[in-house]
Amino acid sequence: MNKAENITPFNPCSIAQDQISHVAKGFGQEHATRDFIHLPMRDYQFSIPVRSVDGSDKVLLGNRIQHNDAHGPCRSGVRFHIQKSVDILNTIAKWMTWQSTVVDIHLG
């Protein structure tokens, strides 16, 4: 077995789940509360039909995830990349919620 086979792939979704579980347990949160915190409040999925420069028609798919608006309106980031999964977008939304809450910026 070579050294590269021993490396665990970077998984931001798993890291975010572990972080919130660890902190919630430290605050004595119940299991149902931890489950609620993991899930986004809203996940908008949409499609946009476009015509390319070459004249071909395509349908682009998109998502907007609002993790939690308890601390204020949801902050939004824009990600345009074919390889970004909904899980990655969900993780980014979670981290934005926690970041805003920890530094007391009133954005969800």
PDB file of N, CA and C in Angstrom:
ATOM      1  N   MET A   1       0.853  -1.171   0.000  1.00  0.00           N
ATOM      2  CA  MET A   1       0.000   0.000   0.000  1.00  0.00           C
ATOM      3  C   MET A   1       0.900   1.234   0.000  1.00  0.00           C
ATOM      4  N   ASN A   2       0.660   2.141  -0.944  1.00  0.00           N
ATOM      5  CA  ASN A   2       1.491   3.334  -0.971  1.00  0.00           C
ATOM      6  C   ASN A   2       0.883   4.424  -0.096  1.00  0.00           C
ATOM      7  N   LYS A   3       1.649   5.490   0.092  1.00  0.00           N
ATOM      8  CA  LYS A   3       1.260   6.565   0.989  1.00  0.00           C
ATOM      9  C   LYS A   3      -0.050   7.235   0.556  1.00  0.00           C
ATOM     10  N   ALA A   4      -0.281   7.389  -0.734  1.00  0.00           N
ATOM     11  CA  ALA A   4      -1.482   8.055  -1.248  1.00  0.00           C
ATOM     12  C   ALA A   4      -2.754   7.289  -0.886  1.00  0.00           C
ATOM     13  N   GLU A   5      -2.688   5.972  -0.753  1.00  0.00           N
ATOM     14  CA  GLU A   5      -3.863   5.177  -0.428  1.00  0.00           C
ATOM     15  C   GLU A   5      -4.313   5.375   1.012  1.00  0.00           C
ATOM     16  N   ASN A   6      -3.420   5.864   1.885  1.00  0.00           N
ATOM     17  CA  ASN A   6      -3.750   6.068   3.294  1.00  0.00           C
ATOM     18  C   ASN A   6      -4.390   7.422   3.564  1.00  0.00           C
ATOM     19  N   ILE A   7      -4.451   8.292   2.582  1.00  0.00           N
ATOM     20  CA  ILE A   7      -4.983   9.630   2.774  1.00  0.00           C
ATOM     21  C   ILE A   7      -6.502   9.601   2.643  1.00  0.00           C
ATOM     22  N   THR A   8      -7.182  10.150   3.658  1.00  0.00           N
ATOM     23  CA  THR A   8      -8.628  10.247   3.626  1.00  0.00           C
ATOM     24  C   THR A   8      -9.009  11.442   2.760  1.00  0.00           C
ATOM     25  N   PRO A   9      -9.931  11.274   1.826  1.00  0.00           N
ATOM     26  CA  PRO A   9     -10.310  12.409   0.976  1.00  0.00           C
ATOM     27  C   PRO A   9     -10.976  13.514   1.800  1.00  0.00           C
ATOM     28  N   PHE A  10     -10.721  14.752   1.408  1.00  0.00           N
ATOM     29  CA  PHE A  10     -11.300  15.919   2.071  1.00  0.00           C
ATOM     30  C   PHE A  10     -12.797  15.949   1.802  1.00  0.00           C
ATOM     31  N   ASN A  11     -13.594  15.944   2.841  1.00  0.00           N
ATOM     32  CA  ASN A  11     -15.041  15.946   2.696  1.00  0.00           C
ATOM     33  C   ASN A  11     -15.626  17.052   3.571  1.00  0.00           C
ATOM     34  N   PRO A  12     -15.850  18.259   3.012  1.00  0.00           N
ATOM     35  CA  PRO A  12     -16.359  19.365   3.821  1.00  0.00           C
ATOM     36  C   PRO A  12     -17.734  19.091   4.431  1.00  0.00           C
ATOM     37  N   CYS A  13     -18.565  18.307   3.764  1.00  0.00           N
ATOM     38  CA  CYS A  13     -19.892  17.988   4.289  1.00  0.00           C
ATOM     39  C   CYS A  13     -19.778  17.215   5.597  1.00  0.00           C
ATOM     40  N   SER A  14     -18.927  16.220   5.605  1.00  0.00           N
ATOM     41  CA  SER A  14     -18.703  15.413   6.797  1.00  0.00           C
ATOM     42  C   SER A  14     -18.085  16.246   7.923  1.00  0.00           C
ATOM     43  N   ILE A  15     -17.160  17.119   7.569  1.00  0.00           N
ATOM     44  CA  ILE A  15     -16.517  17.984   8.557  1.00  0.00           C
ATOM     45  C   ILE A  15     -17.562  18.891   9.220  1.00  0.00           C
ATOM     46  N   ALA A  16     -18.438  19.488   8.422  1.00  0.00           N
ATOM     47  CA  ALA A  16     -19.472  20.375   8.959  1.00  0.00           C
ATOM     48  C   ALA A  16     -20.419  19.615   9.888  1.00  0.00           C
ATOM     49  N   GLN A  17     -20.813  18.411   9.504  1.00  0.00           N
ATOM     50  CA  GLN A  17     -21.695  17.588  10.343  1.00  0.00           C
ATOM     51  C   GLN A  17     -21.018  17.283  11.679  1.00  0.00           C
ATOM     52  N   ASP A  18     -19.743  16.907  11.625  1.00  0.00           N
ATOM     53  CA  ASP A  18     -19.002  16.591  12.848  1.00  0.00           C
ATOM     54  C   ASP A  18     -18.855  17.819  13.738  1.00  0.00           C
ATOM     55  N   GLN A  19     -18.580  18.974  13.134  1.00  0.00           N
ATOM     56  CA  GLN A  19     -18.413  20.204  13.906  1.00  0.00           C
ATOM     57  C   GLN A  19     -19.686  20.554  14.667  1.00  0.00           C
ATOM     58  N   ILE A  20     -20.800  20.553  13.990  1.00  0.00           N
ATOM     59  CA  ILE A  20     -22.036  20.957  14.663  1.00  0.00           C
ATOM     60  C   ILE A  20     -22.475  19.923  15.694  1.00  0.00           C
ATOM     61  N   SER A  21     -22.262  18.652  15.424  1.00  0.00           N
ATOM     62  CA  SER A  21     -22.602  17.619  16.406  1.00  0.00           C
ATOM     63  C   SER A  21     -21.771  17.782  17.662  1.00  0.00           C
ATOM     64  N   HIS A  22     -20.498  18.053  17.489  1.00  0.00           N
ATOM     65  CA  HIS A  22     -19.589  18.228  18.632  1.00  0.00           C
ATOM     66  C   HIS A  22     -20.013  19.428  19.488  1.00  0.00           C
ATOM     67  N   VAL A  23     -20.277  20.553  18.851  1.00  0.00           N
ATOM     68  CA  VAL A  23     -20.655  21.765  19.579  1.00  0.00           C
ATOM     69  C   VAL A  23     -22.024  21.598  20.234  1.00  0.00           C
ATOM     70  N   ALA A  24     -22.984  21.031  19.521  1.00  0.00           N
ATOM     71  CA  ALA A  24     -24.331  20.849  20.071  1.00  0.00           C
ATOM     72  C   ALA A  24     -24.307  19.920  21.283  1.00  0.00           C
ATOM     73  N   LYS A  25     -23.509  18.861  21.225  1.00  0.00           N
ATOM     74  CA  LYS A  25     -23.382  17.964  22.378  1.00  0.00           C
ATOM     75  C   LYS A  25     -22.787  18.709  23.559  1.00  0.00           C
ATOM     76  N   GLY A  26     -21.792  19.575  23.275  1.00  0.00           N
ATOM     77  CA  GLY A  26     -21.158  20.361  24.338  1.00  0.00           C
ATOM     78  C   GLY A  26     -22.132  21.301  25.038  1.00  0.00           C
ATOM     79  N   PHE A  27     -23.126  21.781  24.308  1.00  0.00           N
ATOM     80  CA  PHE A  27     -24.153  22.646  24.885  1.00  0.00           C
ATOM     81  C   PHE A  27     -25.333  21.851  25.425  1.00  0.00           C
ATOM     82  N   GLY A  28     -25.258  20.533  25.339  1.00  0.00           N
ATOM     83  CA  GLY A  28     -26.317  19.676  25.866  1.00  0.00           C
ATOM     84  C   GLY A  28     -27.586  19.678  25.036  1.00  0.00           C
ATOM     85  N   GLN A  29     -27.473  19.936  23.746  1.00  0.00           N
ATOM     86  CA  GLN A  29     -28.655  19.951  22.874  1.00  0.00           C
ATOM     87  C   GLN A  29     -29.167  18.531  22.649  1.00  0.00           C
ATOM     88  N   GLU A  30     -30.476  18.410  22.591  1.00  0.00           N
ATOM     89  CA  GLU A  30     -31.088  17.112  22.343  1.00  0.00           C
ATOM     90  C   GLU A  30     -30.846  16.671  20.902  1.00  0.00           C
ATOM     91  N   HIS A  31     -31.009  15.391  20.679  1.00  0.00           N
ATOM     92  CA  HIS A  31     -30.769  14.815  19.349  1.00  0.00           C
ATOM     93  C   HIS A  31     -31.659  15.474  18.292  1.00  0.00           C
ATOM     94  N   ALA A  32     -32.927  15.721  18.605  1.00  0.00           N
ATOM     95  CA  ALA A  32     -33.847  16.336  17.633  1.00  0.00           C
ATOM     96  C   ALA A  32     -33.376  17.745  17.260  1.00  0.00           C
ATOM     97  N   THR A  33     -32.861  18.485  18.216  1.00  0.00           N
ATOM     98  CA  THR A  33     -32.355  19.831  17.942  1.00  0.00           C
ATOM     99  C   THR A  33     -31.138  19.764  17.034  1.00  0.00           C
ATOM    100  N   ARG A  34     -30.243  18.813  17.294  1.00  0.00           N
ATOM    101  CA  ARG A  34     -29.057  18.644  16.433  1.00  0.00           C
ATOM    102  C   ARG A  34     -29.481  18.290  15.014  1.00  0.00           C
ATOM    103  N   ASP A  35     -30.483  17.436  14.865  1.00  0.00           N
ATOM    104  CA  ASP A  35     -30.971  17.081  13.525  1.00  0.00           C
ATOM    105  C   ASP A  35     -31.541  18.308  12.818  1.00  0.00           C
ATOM    106  N   PHE A  36     -32.297  19.132  13.544  1.00  0.00           N
ATOM    107  CA  PHE A  36     -32.884  20.332  12.966  1.00  0.00           C
ATOM    108  C   PHE A  36     -31.801  21.290  12.482  1.00  0.00           C
ATOM    109  N   ILE A  37     -30.744  21.451  13.258  1.00  0.00           N
ATOM    110  CA  ILE A  37     -29.659  22.373  12.915  1.00  0.00           C
ATOM    111  C   ILE A  37     -28.917  21.898  11.666  1.00  0.00           C
ATOM    112  N   HIS A  38     -28.840  20.609  11.444  1.00  0.00           N
ATOM    113  CA  HIS A  38     -28.133  20.073  10.276  1.00  0.00           C
ATOM    114  C   HIS A  38     -28.830  20.396   8.956  1.00  0.00           C
ATOM    115  N   LEU A  39     -30.147  20.486   8.975  1.00  0.00           N
ATOM    116  CA  LEU A  39     -30.903  20.629   7.734  1.00  0.00           C
ATOM    117  C   LEU A  39     -31.139  22.098   7.391  1.00  0.00           C
ATOM    118  N   PRO A  40     -31.110  22.436   6.104  1.00  0.00           N
ATOM    119  CA  PRO A  40     -31.409  23.819   5.724  1.00  0.00           C
ATOM    120  C   PRO A  40     -32.908  24.099   5.855  1.00  0.00           C
ATOM    121  N   MET A  41     -33.239  25.361   6.146  1.00  0.00           N
ATOM    122  CA  MET A  41     -34.653  25.749   6.218  1.00  0.00           C
ATOM    123  C   MET A  41     -35.287  25.744   4.832  1.00  0.00           C
ATOM    124  N   ARG A  42     -34.518  26.176   3.817  1.00  0.00           N
ATOM    125  CA  ARG A  42     -35.044  26.246   2.459  1.00  0.00           C
ATOM    126  C   ARG A  42     -33.987  25.789   1.463  1.00  0.00           C
ATOM    127  N   ASP A  43     -34.439  25.076   0.465  1.00  0.00           N
ATOM    128  CA  ASP A  43     -33.561  24.649  -0.630  1.00  0.00           C
ATOM    129  C   ASP A  43     -34.348  24.860  -1.915  1.00  0.00           C
ATOM    130  N   TYR A  44     -34.024  25.931  -2.612  1.00  0.00           N
ATOM    131  CA  TYR A  44     -34.701  26.245  -3.866  1.00  0.00           C
ATOM    132  C   TYR A  44     -33.955  25.584  -5.017  1.00  0.00           C
ATOM    133  N   GLN A  45     -34.684  24.863  -5.836  1.00  0.00           N
ATOM    134  CA  GLN A  45     -34.104  24.258  -7.020  1.00  0.00           C
ATOM    135  C   GLN A  45     -34.820  24.848  -8.232  1.00  0.00           C
ATOM    136  N   PHE A  46     -34.065  25.206  -9.238  1.00  0.00           N
ATOM    137  CA  PHE A  46     -34.663  25.840 -10.396  1.00  0.00           C
ATOM    138  C   PHE A  46     -33.907  25.465 -11.656  1.00  0.00           C
ATOM    139  N   SER A  47     -34.550  25.701 -12.790  1.00  0.00           N
ATOM    140  CA  SER A  47     -33.918  25.454 -14.080  1.00  0.00           C
ATOM    141  C   SER A  47     -34.086  26.704 -14.946  1.00  0.00           C
ATOM    142  N   ILE A  48     -33.059  26.959 -15.758  1.00  0.00           N
ATOM    143  CA  ILE A  48     -33.064  28.133 -16.623  1.00  0.00           C
ATOM    144  C   ILE A  48     -32.752  27.677 -18.049  1.00  0.00           C
ATOM    145  N   PRO A  49     -33.689  27.845 -18.961  1.00  0.00           N
ATOM    146  CA  PRO A  49     -33.385  27.501 -20.363  1.00  0.00           C
ATOM    147  C   PRO A  49     -32.551  28.626 -20.989  1.00  0.00           C
ATOM    148  N   VAL A  50     -31.500  28.259 -21.696  1.00  0.00           N
ATOM    149  CA  VAL A  50     -30.632  29.248 -22.356  1.00  0.00           C
ATOM    150  C   VAL A  50     -30.313  28.786 -23.775  1.00  0.00           C
ATOM    151  N   ARG A  51     -30.020  29.747 -24.607  1.00  0.00           N
ATOM    152  CA  ARG A  51     -29.574  29.445 -25.962  1.00  0.00           C
ATOM    153  C   ARG A  51     -28.100  29.818 -26.031  1.00  0.00           C
ATOM    154  N   SER A  52     -27.247  28.873 -26.388  1.00  0.00           N
ATOM    155  CA  SER A  52     -25.809  29.097 -26.483  1.00  0.00           C
ATOM    156  C   SER A  52     -25.473  29.934 -27.708  1.00  0.00           C
ATOM    157  N   VAL A  53     -24.252  30.431 -27.731  1.00  0.00           N
ATOM    158  CA  VAL A  53     -23.770  31.227 -28.859  1.00  0.00           C
ATOM    159  C   VAL A  53     -23.851  30.425 -30.150  1.00  0.00           C
ATOM    160  N   ASP A  54     -23.627  29.100 -30.053  1.00  0.00           N
ATOM    161  CA  ASP A  54     -23.669  28.269 -31.252  1.00  0.00           C
ATOM    162  C   ASP A  54     -25.097  27.930 -31.696  1.00  0.00           C
ATOM    163  N   GLY A  55     -26.103  28.456 -30.983  1.00  0.00           N
ATOM    164  CA  GLY A  55     -27.495  28.241 -31.363  1.00  0.00           C
ATOM    165  C   GLY A  55     -28.160  27.068 -30.689  1.00  0.00           C
ATOM    166  N   SER A  56     -27.410  26.247 -29.947  1.00  0.00           N
ATOM    167  CA  SER A  56     -28.021  25.101 -29.277  1.00  0.00           C
ATOM    168  C   SER A  56     -28.731  25.551 -27.995  1.00  0.00           C
ATOM    169  N   ASP A  57     -29.778  24.838 -27.657  1.00  0.00           N
ATOM    170  CA  ASP A  57     -30.539  25.121 -26.448  1.00  0.00           C
ATOM    171  C   ASP A  57     -30.075  24.199 -25.329  1.00  0.00           C
ATOM    172  N   LYS A  58     -29.974  24.750 -24.116  1.00  0.00           N
ATOM    173  CA  LYS A  58     -29.568  23.985 -22.929  1.00  0.00           C
ATOM    174  C   LYS A  58     -30.448  24.400 -21.765  1.00  0.00           C
ATOM    175  N   VAL A  59     -30.517  23.546 -20.773  1.00  0.00           N
ATOM    176  CA  VAL A  59     -31.201  23.880 -19.534  1.00  0.00           C
ATOM    177  C   VAL A  59     -30.162  23.797 -18.416  1.00  0.00           C
ATOM    178  N   LEU A  60     -29.954  24.919 -17.741  1.00  0.00           N
ATOM    179  CA  LEU A  60     -29.020  24.966 -16.619  1.00  0.00           C
ATOM    180  C   LEU A  60     -29.799  24.767 -15.327  1.00  0.00           C
ATOM    181  N   LEU A  61     -29.250  23.969 -14.436  1.00  0.00           N
ATOM    182  CA  LEU A  61     -29.892  23.694 -13.151  1.00  0.00           C
ATOM    183  C   LEU A  61     -29.196  24.503 -12.065  1.00  0.00           C
ATOM    184  N   GLY A  62     -29.974  24.962 -11.096  1.00  0.00           N
ATOM    185  CA  GLY A  62     -29.399  25.749 -10.010  1.00  0.00           C
ATOM    186  C   GLY A  62     -30.060  25.455  -8.685  1.00  0.00           C
ATOM    187  N   ASN A  63     -29.387  25.848  -7.614  1.00  0.00           N
ATOM    188  CA  ASN A  63     -29.897  25.699  -6.258  1.00  0.00           C
ATOM    189  C   ASN A  63     -29.552  26.951  -5.464  1.00  0.00           C
ATOM    190  N   ARG A  64     -30.427  27.330  -4.578  1.00  0.00           N
ATOM    191  CA  ARG A  64     -30.124  28.343  -3.572  1.00  0.00           C
ATOM    192  C   ARG A  64     -30.548  27.748  -2.247  1.00  0.00           C
ATOM    193  N   ILE A  65     -29.600  27.647  -1.336  1.00  0.00           N
ATOM    194  CA  ILE A  65     -29.875  27.040  -0.041  1.00  0.00           C
ATOM    195  C   ILE A  65     -29.805  28.123   1.026  1.00  0.00           C
ATOM    196  N   GLN A  66     -30.870  28.232   1.809  1.00  0.00           N
ATOM    197  CA  GLN A  66     -30.909  29.136   2.950  1.00  0.00           C
ATOM    198  C   GLN A  66     -30.899  28.256   4.187  1.00  0.00           C
ATOM    199  N   HIS A  67     -29.789  28.275   4.898  1.00  0.00           N
ATOM    200  CA  HIS A  67     -29.632  27.337   6.010  1.00  0.00           C
ATOM    201  C   HIS A  67     -30.512  27.680   7.192  1.00  0.00           C
ATOM    202  N   ASN A  68     -30.407  28.900   7.730  1.00  0.00           N
ATOM    203  CA  ASN A  68     -31.179  29.244   8.918  1.00  0.00           C
ATOM    204  C   ASN A  68     -31.294  30.757   9.016  1.00  0.00           C
ATOM    205  N   ASP A  69     -32.507  31.253   9.179  1.00  0.00           N
ATOM    206  CA  ASP A  69     -32.708  32.697   9.264  1.00  0.00           C
ATOM    207  C   ASP A  69     -33.082  33.167  10.679  1.00  0.00           C
ATOM    208  N   ALA A  70     -32.796  32.370  11.688  1.00  0.00           N
ATOM    209  CA  ALA A  70     -33.136  32.733  13.063  1.00  0.00           C
ATOM    210  C   ALA A  70     -32.366  33.964  13.536  1.00  0.00           C
ATOM    211  N   HIS A  71     -31.191  34.206  13.011  1.00  0.00           N
ATOM    212  CA  HIS A  71     -30.338  35.333  13.444  1.00  0.00           C
ATOM    213  C   HIS A  71     -30.452  36.522  12.493  1.00  0.00           C
ATOM    214  N   GLY A  72     -31.296  36.434  11.499  1.00  0.00           N
ATOM    215  CA  GLY A  72     -31.471  37.530  10.548  1.00  0.00           C
ATOM    216  C   GLY A  72     -31.655  36.981   9.147  1.00  0.00           C
ATOM    217  N   PRO A  73     -31.749  37.875   8.161  1.00  0.00           N
ATOM    218  CA  PRO A  73     -31.956  37.412   6.783  1.00  0.00           C
ATOM    219  C   PRO A  73     -30.797  36.552   6.291  1.00  0.00           C
ATOM    220  N   CYS A  74     -31.100  35.614   5.433  1.00  0.00           N
ATOM    221  CA  CYS A  74     -30.074  34.688   4.939  1.00  0.00           C
ATOM    222  C   CYS A  74     -29.113  35.399   4.002  1.00  0.00           C
ATOM    223  N   ARG A  75     -27.869  35.141   4.232  1.00  0.00           N
ATOM    224  CA  ARG A  75     -26.805  35.663   3.382  1.00  0.00           C
ATOM    225  C   ARG A  75     -26.645  34.689   2.223  1.00  0.00           C
ATOM    226  N   SER A  76     -26.326  35.205   1.085  1.00  0.00           N
ATOM    227  CA  SER A  76     -26.257  34.324  -0.065  1.00  0.00           C
ATOM    228  C   SER A  76     -24.934  34.485  -0.789  1.00  0.00           C
ATOM    229  N   GLY A  77     -24.365  33.386  -1.174  1.00  0.00           N
ATOM    230  CA  GLY A  77     -23.186  33.393  -2.015  1.00  0.00           C
ATOM    231  C   GLY A  77     -23.556  32.774  -3.347  1.00  0.00           C
ATOM    232  N   VAL A  78     -22.876  33.158  -4.363  1.00  0.00           N
ATOM    233  CA  VAL A  78     -23.163  32.626  -5.681  1.00  0.00           C
ATOM    234  C   VAL A  78     -22.028  31.691  -6.079  1.00  0.00           C
ATOM    235  N   ARG A  79     -22.378  30.489  -6.490  1.00  0.00           N
ATOM    236  CA  ARG A  79     -21.393  29.509  -6.930  1.00  0.00           C
ATOM    237  C   ARG A  79     -21.822  29.001  -8.285  1.00  0.00           C
ATOM    238  N   PHE A  80     -20.996  29.209  -9.282  1.00  0.00           N
ATOM    239  CA  PHE A  80     -21.266  28.690 -10.618  1.00  0.00           C
ATOM    240  C   PHE A  80     -20.162  27.704 -10.964  1.00  0.00           C
ATOM    241  N   HIS A  81     -20.458  26.454 -10.819  1.00  0.00           N
ATOM    242  CA  HIS A  81     -19.471  25.439 -11.189  1.00  0.00           C
ATOM    243  C   HIS A  81     -20.197  24.127 -11.397  1.00  0.00           C
ATOM    244  N   ILE A  82     -19.928  23.477 -12.480  1.00  0.00           N
ATOM    245  CA  ILE A  82     -20.616  22.240 -12.842  1.00  0.00           C
ATOM    246  C   ILE A  82     -20.360  21.118 -11.827  1.00  0.00           C
ATOM    247  N   GLN A  83     -19.223  21.183 -11.112  1.00  0.00           N
ATOM    248  CA  GLN A  83     -18.872  20.109 -10.191  1.00  0.00           C
ATOM    249  C   GLN A  83     -19.302  20.367  -8.751  1.00  0.00           C
ATOM    250  N   LYS A  84     -19.942  21.507  -8.473  1.00  0.00           N
ATOM    251  CA  LYS A  84     -20.422  21.777  -7.117  1.00  0.00           C
ATOM    252  C   LYS A  84     -21.698  20.985  -6.883  1.00  0.00           C
ATOM    253  N   SER A  85     -21.707  20.207  -5.826  1.00  0.00           N
ATOM    254  CA  SER A  85     -22.888  19.409  -5.510  1.00  0.00           C
ATOM    255  C   SER A  85     -23.786  20.173  -4.541  1.00  0.00           C
ATOM    256  N   VAL A  86     -25.007  19.701  -4.396  1.00  0.00           N
ATOM    257  CA  VAL A  86     -25.939  20.303  -3.447  1.00  0.00           C
ATOM    258  C   VAL A  86     -25.389  20.155  -2.028  1.00  0.00           C
ATOM    259  N   ASP A  87     -24.703  19.052  -1.739  1.00  0.00           N
ATOM    260  CA  ASP A  87     -24.105  18.866  -0.417  1.00  0.00           C
ATOM    261  C   ASP A  87     -23.078  19.950  -0.111  1.00  0.00           C
ATOM    262  N   ILE A  88     -22.257  20.298  -1.091  1.00  0.00           N
ATOM    263  CA  ILE A  88     -21.253  21.346  -0.894  1.00  0.00           C
ATOM    264  C   ILE A  88     -21.949  22.687  -0.664  1.00  0.00           C
ATOM    265  N   LEU A  89     -22.987  22.993  -1.441  1.00  0.00           N
ATOM    266  CA  LEU A  89     -23.726  24.240  -1.257  1.00  0.00           C
ATOM    267  C   LEU A  89     -24.383  24.294   0.117  1.00  0.00           C
ATOM    268  N   ASN A  90     -24.922  23.174   0.568  1.00  0.00           N
ATOM    269  CA  ASN A  90     -25.521  23.092   1.893  1.00  0.00           C
ATOM    270  C   ASN A  90     -24.465  23.363   2.973  1.00  0.00           C
ATOM    271  N   THR A  91     -23.283  22.796   2.798  1.00  0.00           N
ATOM    272  CA  THR A  91     -22.198  22.999   3.758  1.00  0.00           C
ATOM    273  C   THR A  91     -21.770  24.458   3.792  1.00  0.00           C
ATOM    274  N   ILE A  92     -21.633  25.073   2.636  1.00  0.00           N
ATOM    275  CA  ILE A  92     -21.264  26.490   2.575  1.00  0.00           C
ATOM    276  C   ILE A  92     -22.326  27.330   3.293  1.00  0.00           C
ATOM    277  N   ALA A  93     -23.594  27.017   3.081  1.00  0.00           N
ATOM    278  CA  ALA A  93     -24.675  27.758   3.739  1.00  0.00           C
ATOM    279  C   ALA A  93     -24.594  27.600   5.257  1.00  0.00           C
ATOM    280  N   LYS A  94     -24.312  26.382   5.736  1.00  0.00           N
ATOM    281  CA  LYS A  94     -24.159  26.155   7.183  1.00  0.00           C
ATOM    282  C   LYS A  94     -23.029  26.995   7.739  1.00  0.00           C
ATOM    283  N   TRP A  95     -21.885  26.942   7.083  1.00  0.00           N
ATOM    284  CA  TRP A  95     -20.728  27.685   7.571  1.00  0.00           C
ATOM    285  C   TRP A  95     -20.994  29.187   7.579  1.00  0.00           C
ATOM    286  N   MET A  96     -21.739  29.689   6.589  1.00  0.00           N
ATOM    287  CA  MET A  96     -22.078  31.117   6.563  1.00  0.00           C
ATOM    288  C   MET A  96     -22.985  31.468   7.746  1.00  0.00           C
ATOM    289  N   THR A  97     -23.933  30.600   8.066  1.00  0.00           N
ATOM    290  CA  THR A  97     -24.813  30.826   9.218  1.00  0.00           C
ATOM    291  C   THR A  97     -23.997  30.883  10.495  1.00  0.00           C
ATOM    292  N   TRP A  98     -23.109  29.901  10.697  1.00  0.00           N
ATOM    293  CA  TRP A  98     -22.322  29.855  11.935  1.00  0.00           C
ATOM    294  C   TRP A  98     -21.372  31.036  12.021  1.00  0.00           C
ATOM    295  N   GLN A  99     -20.761  31.369  10.889  1.00  0.00           N
ATOM    296  CA  GLN A  99     -19.814  32.485  10.863  1.00  0.00           C
ATOM    297  C   GLN A  99     -20.516  33.776  11.278  1.00  0.00           C
ATOM    298  N   SER A 100     -21.677  34.043  10.719  1.00  0.00           N
ATOM    299  CA  SER A 100     -22.412  35.260  11.039  1.00  0.00           C
ATOM    300  C   SER A 100     -22.876  35.269  12.489  1.00  0.00           C
ATOM    301  N   THR A 101     -23.291  34.129  12.995  1.00  0.00           N
ATOM    302  CA  THR A 101     -23.775  34.033  14.370  1.00  0.00           C
ATOM    303  C   THR A 101     -22.645  34.210  15.378  1.00  0.00           C
ATOM    304  N   VAL A 102     -21.505  33.584  15.131  1.00  0.00           N
ATOM    305  CA  VAL A 102     -20.381  33.653  16.070  1.00  0.00           C
ATOM    306  C   VAL A 102     -19.863  35.074  16.235  1.00  0.00           C
ATOM    307  N   VAL A 103     -19.799  35.837  15.151  1.00  0.00           N
ATOM    308  CA  VAL A 103     -19.299  37.212  15.228  1.00  0.00           C
ATOM    309  C   VAL A 103     -20.433  38.222  15.396  1.00  0.00           C
ATOM    310  N   ASP A 104     -21.671  37.718  15.614  1.00  0.00           N
ATOM    311  CA  ASP A 104     -22.864  38.509  15.899  1.00  0.00           C
ATOM    312  C   ASP A 104     -23.203  39.499  14.789  1.00  0.00           C
ATOM    313  N   ILE A 105     -23.115  39.027  13.555  1.00  0.00           N
ATOM    314  CA  ILE A 105     -23.611  39.771  12.406  1.00  0.00           C
ATOM    315  C   ILE A 105     -25.020  39.249  12.141  1.00  0.00           C
ATOM    316  N   HIS A 106     -25.978  40.117  12.057  1.00  0.00           N
ATOM    317  CA  HIS A 106     -27.370  39.669  11.962  1.00  0.00           C
ATOM    318  C   HIS A 106     -27.741  39.253  10.537  1.00  0.00           C
ATOM    319  N   LEU A 107     -27.092  38.181  10.108  1.00  0.00           N
ATOM    320  CA  LEU A 107     -27.397  37.516   8.850  1.00  0.00           C
ATOM    321  C   LEU A 107     -27.490  36.024   9.137  1.00  0.00           C
ATOM    322  N   GLY A 108     -28.404  35.336   8.482  1.00  0.00           N
ATOM    323  CA  GLY A 108     -28.587  33.916   8.755  1.00  0.00           C
ATOM    324  C   GLY A 108     -27.570  33.038   8.117  1.00  0.00           C
TER     325      GLY A 108
END
